[in-house]
């Protein structure tokens, strides 16, 4: 595990306890766990890509109709 032994892990744990305090550790753990869970969920679900071609009516817009008051050329 990255070359960390028990001694190094204990030192890291003590530093974290000093910085955050014992009361905030459950909140930090819960947030970290929730983040990991959401990340795994996002990685597992494939992105939905719409590959259907546009309909024929949307592809060819109708030409503008001349108004009845104007003379046609």
N, C-alpha and C. Protein backbone atom coordinates (compact mmCIF):
# COMPACT_ATOMS: atom_id res chain seq x y z
N UNK A 1 0.85 -1.18 0.00
CA UNK A 1 0.00 0.00 0.00
C UNK A 1 0.88 1.23 0.00
N UNK A 2 1.47 1.57 -1.10
CA UNK A 2 2.32 2.75 -1.29
C UNK A 2 3.54 2.73 -0.39
N UNK A 3 3.93 1.60 0.11
CA UNK A 3 5.11 1.51 0.95
C UNK A 3 4.91 2.08 2.35
N UNK A 4 3.68 2.25 2.79
CA UNK A 4 3.42 2.79 4.13
C UNK A 4 3.26 1.63 5.11
N UNK A 5 3.98 1.73 6.20
CA UNK A 5 3.87 0.72 7.24
C UNK A 5 2.87 1.16 8.30
N UNK A 6 2.76 0.35 9.35
CA UNK A 6 1.84 0.65 10.45
C UNK A 6 2.25 1.95 11.14
N UNK A 7 3.52 2.16 11.34
CA UNK A 7 4.00 3.37 12.01
C UNK A 7 3.62 4.64 11.27
N UNK A 8 3.81 4.63 9.95
CA UNK A 8 3.46 5.80 9.15
C UNK A 8 1.96 6.06 9.16
N UNK A 9 1.17 4.99 9.09
CA UNK A 9 -0.28 5.16 9.12
C UNK A 9 -0.75 5.72 10.46
N UNK A 10 -0.13 5.29 11.55
CA UNK A 10 -0.49 5.82 12.87
C UNK A 10 -0.14 7.30 12.98
N UNK A 11 1.00 7.70 12.44
CA UNK A 11 1.38 9.11 12.47
C UNK A 11 0.38 9.94 11.67
N UNK A 12 -0.02 9.45 10.51
CA UNK A 12 -1.01 10.16 9.70
C UNK A 12 -2.33 10.26 10.44
N UNK A 13 -2.76 9.19 11.11
CA UNK A 13 -4.01 9.20 11.87
C UNK A 13 -3.96 10.21 13.01
N UNK A 14 -2.84 10.28 13.71
CA UNK A 14 -2.70 11.24 14.81
C UNK A 14 -2.76 12.67 14.28
N UNK A 15 -2.11 12.93 13.16
CA UNK A 15 -2.13 14.28 12.57
C UNK A 15 -3.55 14.65 12.16
N UNK A 16 -4.28 13.71 11.57
CA UNK A 16 -5.66 13.97 11.17
C UNK A 16 -6.52 14.23 12.40
N UNK A 17 -6.31 13.49 13.47
CA UNK A 17 -7.07 13.71 14.71
C UNK A 17 -6.78 15.09 15.29
N UNK A 18 -5.54 15.52 15.23
CA UNK A 18 -5.19 16.85 15.75
C UNK A 18 -5.83 17.95 14.91
N UNK A 19 -5.80 17.79 13.59
CA UNK A 19 -6.32 18.83 12.70
C UNK A 19 -7.85 18.91 12.79
N UNK A 20 -8.54 17.80 12.67
CA UNK A 20 -9.99 17.82 12.57
C UNK A 20 -10.70 17.56 13.90
N UNK A 21 -10.08 16.86 14.81
CA UNK A 21 -10.73 16.51 16.06
C UNK A 21 -11.51 15.22 15.92
N UNK A 22 -11.76 14.57 17.05
CA UNK A 22 -12.43 13.27 17.03
C UNK A 22 -13.91 13.40 16.65
N UNK A 23 -14.52 14.54 16.92
CA UNK A 23 -15.94 14.71 16.63
C UNK A 23 -16.25 14.82 15.15
N UNK A 24 -15.33 15.33 14.37
CA UNK A 24 -15.58 15.54 12.95
C UNK A 24 -15.17 14.35 12.09
N UNK A 25 -14.47 13.40 12.64
CA UNK A 25 -14.02 12.26 11.82
C UNK A 25 -15.17 11.47 11.21
N UNK A 26 -16.27 11.19 11.95
CA UNK A 26 -17.38 10.47 11.30
C UNK A 26 -17.97 11.25 10.12
N UNK A 27 -18.06 12.56 10.24
CA UNK A 27 -18.59 13.37 9.14
C UNK A 27 -17.67 13.30 7.92
N UNK A 28 -16.38 13.36 8.18
CA UNK A 28 -15.40 13.31 7.08
C UNK A 28 -15.45 11.94 6.41
N UNK A 29 -15.52 10.88 7.22
CA UNK A 29 -15.61 9.53 6.67
C UNK A 29 -16.88 9.31 5.86
N UNK A 30 -17.99 9.86 6.36
CA UNK A 30 -19.26 9.72 5.65
C UNK A 30 -19.21 10.45 4.31
N UNK A 31 -18.67 11.64 4.31
CA UNK A 31 -18.57 12.40 3.07
C UNK A 31 -17.64 11.74 2.07
N UNK A 32 -16.54 11.21 2.56
CA UNK A 32 -15.59 10.52 1.69
C UNK A 32 -16.22 9.27 1.09
N UNK A 33 -16.93 8.51 1.92
CA UNK A 33 -17.60 7.30 1.44
C UNK A 33 -18.66 7.61 0.41
N UNK A 34 -19.42 8.67 0.64
CA UNK A 34 -20.47 9.07 -0.30
C UNK A 34 -19.84 9.50 -1.63
N UNK A 35 -18.73 10.20 -1.56
CA UNK A 35 -18.05 10.63 -2.78
C UNK A 35 -17.52 9.46 -3.58
N UNK A 36 -16.94 8.49 -2.90
CA UNK A 36 -16.43 7.30 -3.59
C UNK A 36 -17.58 6.52 -4.22
N UNK A 37 -18.70 6.41 -3.50
CA UNK A 37 -19.87 5.69 -4.02
C UNK A 37 -20.40 6.37 -5.28
N UNK A 38 -20.51 7.70 -5.26
CA UNK A 38 -20.99 8.42 -6.43
C UNK A 38 -20.02 8.31 -7.60
N UNK A 39 -18.73 8.31 -7.32
CA UNK A 39 -17.73 8.16 -8.38
C UNK A 39 -17.85 6.80 -9.04
N UNK A 40 -17.97 5.74 -8.24
CA UNK A 40 -18.10 4.40 -8.80
C UNK A 40 -19.38 4.27 -9.63
N UNK A 41 -20.46 4.87 -9.14
CA UNK A 41 -21.73 4.82 -9.87
C UNK A 41 -21.59 5.53 -11.21
N UNK A 42 -20.91 6.67 -11.22
CA UNK A 42 -20.74 7.42 -12.47
C UNK A 42 -19.85 6.67 -13.45
N UNK A 43 -18.87 5.94 -12.95
CA UNK A 43 -17.97 5.20 -13.84
C UNK A 43 -18.69 4.00 -14.43
N UNK A 44 -19.56 3.35 -13.67
CA UNK A 44 -20.24 2.15 -14.15
C UNK A 44 -21.30 2.45 -15.19
N UNK A 45 -22.05 3.53 -15.04
CA UNK A 45 -23.13 3.82 -15.97
C UNK A 45 -22.57 4.47 -17.22
N UNK A 46 -22.90 3.92 -18.39
CA UNK A 46 -22.39 4.52 -19.63
C UNK A 46 -23.13 5.81 -19.94
N UNK A 47 -22.46 6.69 -20.65
CA UNK A 47 -23.08 7.94 -21.07
C UNK A 47 -24.12 7.63 -22.14
N UNK A 48 -25.26 8.28 -22.05
CA UNK A 48 -26.30 8.09 -23.05
C UNK A 48 -26.09 9.10 -24.17
N UNK A 49 -25.88 8.58 -25.38
CA UNK A 49 -25.65 9.43 -26.53
C UNK A 49 -26.78 9.16 -27.53
N UNK A 50 -27.44 10.21 -27.96
CA UNK A 50 -28.53 10.08 -28.92
C UNK A 50 -27.94 10.01 -30.32
N UNK A 51 -28.06 8.84 -30.96
CA UNK A 51 -27.49 8.64 -32.29
C UNK A 51 -28.57 8.53 -33.36
N UNK A 52 -29.82 8.83 -33.02
CA UNK A 52 -30.88 8.75 -34.01
C UNK A 52 -30.77 9.92 -34.98
N UNK A 53 -30.94 9.66 -36.28
CA UNK A 53 -30.85 10.76 -37.25
C UNK A 53 -32.06 11.67 -37.10
N UNK A 54 -31.91 12.94 -37.44
CA UNK A 54 -33.05 13.85 -37.36
C UNK A 54 -34.11 13.46 -38.38
N UNK A 55 -35.36 13.78 -38.11
CA UNK A 55 -36.44 13.43 -39.02
C UNK A 55 -36.32 14.23 -40.32
N UNK A 56 -37.00 13.76 -41.37
CA UNK A 56 -36.89 14.38 -42.69
C UNK A 56 -37.46 15.79 -42.69
N UNK A 57 -38.53 16.03 -41.92
CA UNK A 57 -39.12 17.37 -41.91
C UNK A 57 -38.21 18.37 -41.21
N UNK A 58 -37.46 17.94 -40.24
CA UNK A 58 -36.56 18.84 -39.54
C UNK A 58 -35.30 19.12 -40.37
N UNK A 59 -34.93 18.18 -41.24
CA UNK A 59 -33.71 18.35 -42.02
C UNK A 59 -33.90 19.34 -43.17
N UNK A 60 -35.11 19.38 -43.77
CA UNK A 60 -35.36 20.27 -44.90
C UNK A 60 -36.39 21.31 -44.50
N UNK A 61 -35.96 22.52 -44.17
CA UNK A 61 -36.94 23.55 -43.83
C UNK A 61 -37.68 24.02 -45.08
N UNK A 62 -38.92 24.39 -44.90
CA UNK A 62 -39.73 24.85 -46.03
C UNK A 62 -39.27 26.24 -46.46
N UNK A 63 -39.29 26.52 -47.78
CA UNK A 63 -38.91 27.87 -48.23
C UNK A 63 -39.98 28.86 -47.79
N UNK A 64 -39.59 30.12 -47.60
CA UNK A 64 -40.58 31.12 -47.16
C UNK A 64 -41.64 31.34 -48.23
N UNK A 65 -42.87 31.46 -47.79
CA UNK A 65 -43.98 31.68 -48.72
C UNK A 65 -44.11 33.17 -49.00
N UNK A 66 -44.34 33.55 -50.27
CA UNK A 66 -44.51 34.98 -50.58
C UNK A 66 -45.84 35.48 -50.03
N UNK A 67 -45.83 36.73 -49.61
CA UNK A 67 -47.06 37.32 -49.10
C UNK A 67 -47.99 37.62 -50.26
N UNK A 68 -49.28 37.61 -50.01
CA UNK A 68 -50.27 37.78 -51.09
C UNK A 68 -50.28 39.20 -51.64
N UNK A 69 -49.84 40.21 -50.89
CA UNK A 69 -49.87 41.60 -51.33
C UNK A 69 -48.74 41.95 -52.28
N UNK A 70 -47.67 41.18 -52.36
CA UNK A 70 -46.53 41.49 -53.21
C UNK A 70 -46.67 40.82 -54.57
N UNK A 71 -46.28 41.49 -55.64
CA UNK A 71 -46.31 40.84 -56.96
C UNK A 71 -45.17 39.83 -57.08
N UNK A 72 -45.47 38.75 -57.76
CA UNK A 72 -44.45 37.72 -57.92
C UNK A 72 -43.66 37.97 -59.20
N UNK A 73 -42.40 37.67 -59.23
CA UNK A 73 -41.56 37.93 -60.39
C UNK A 73 -41.60 36.82 -61.37
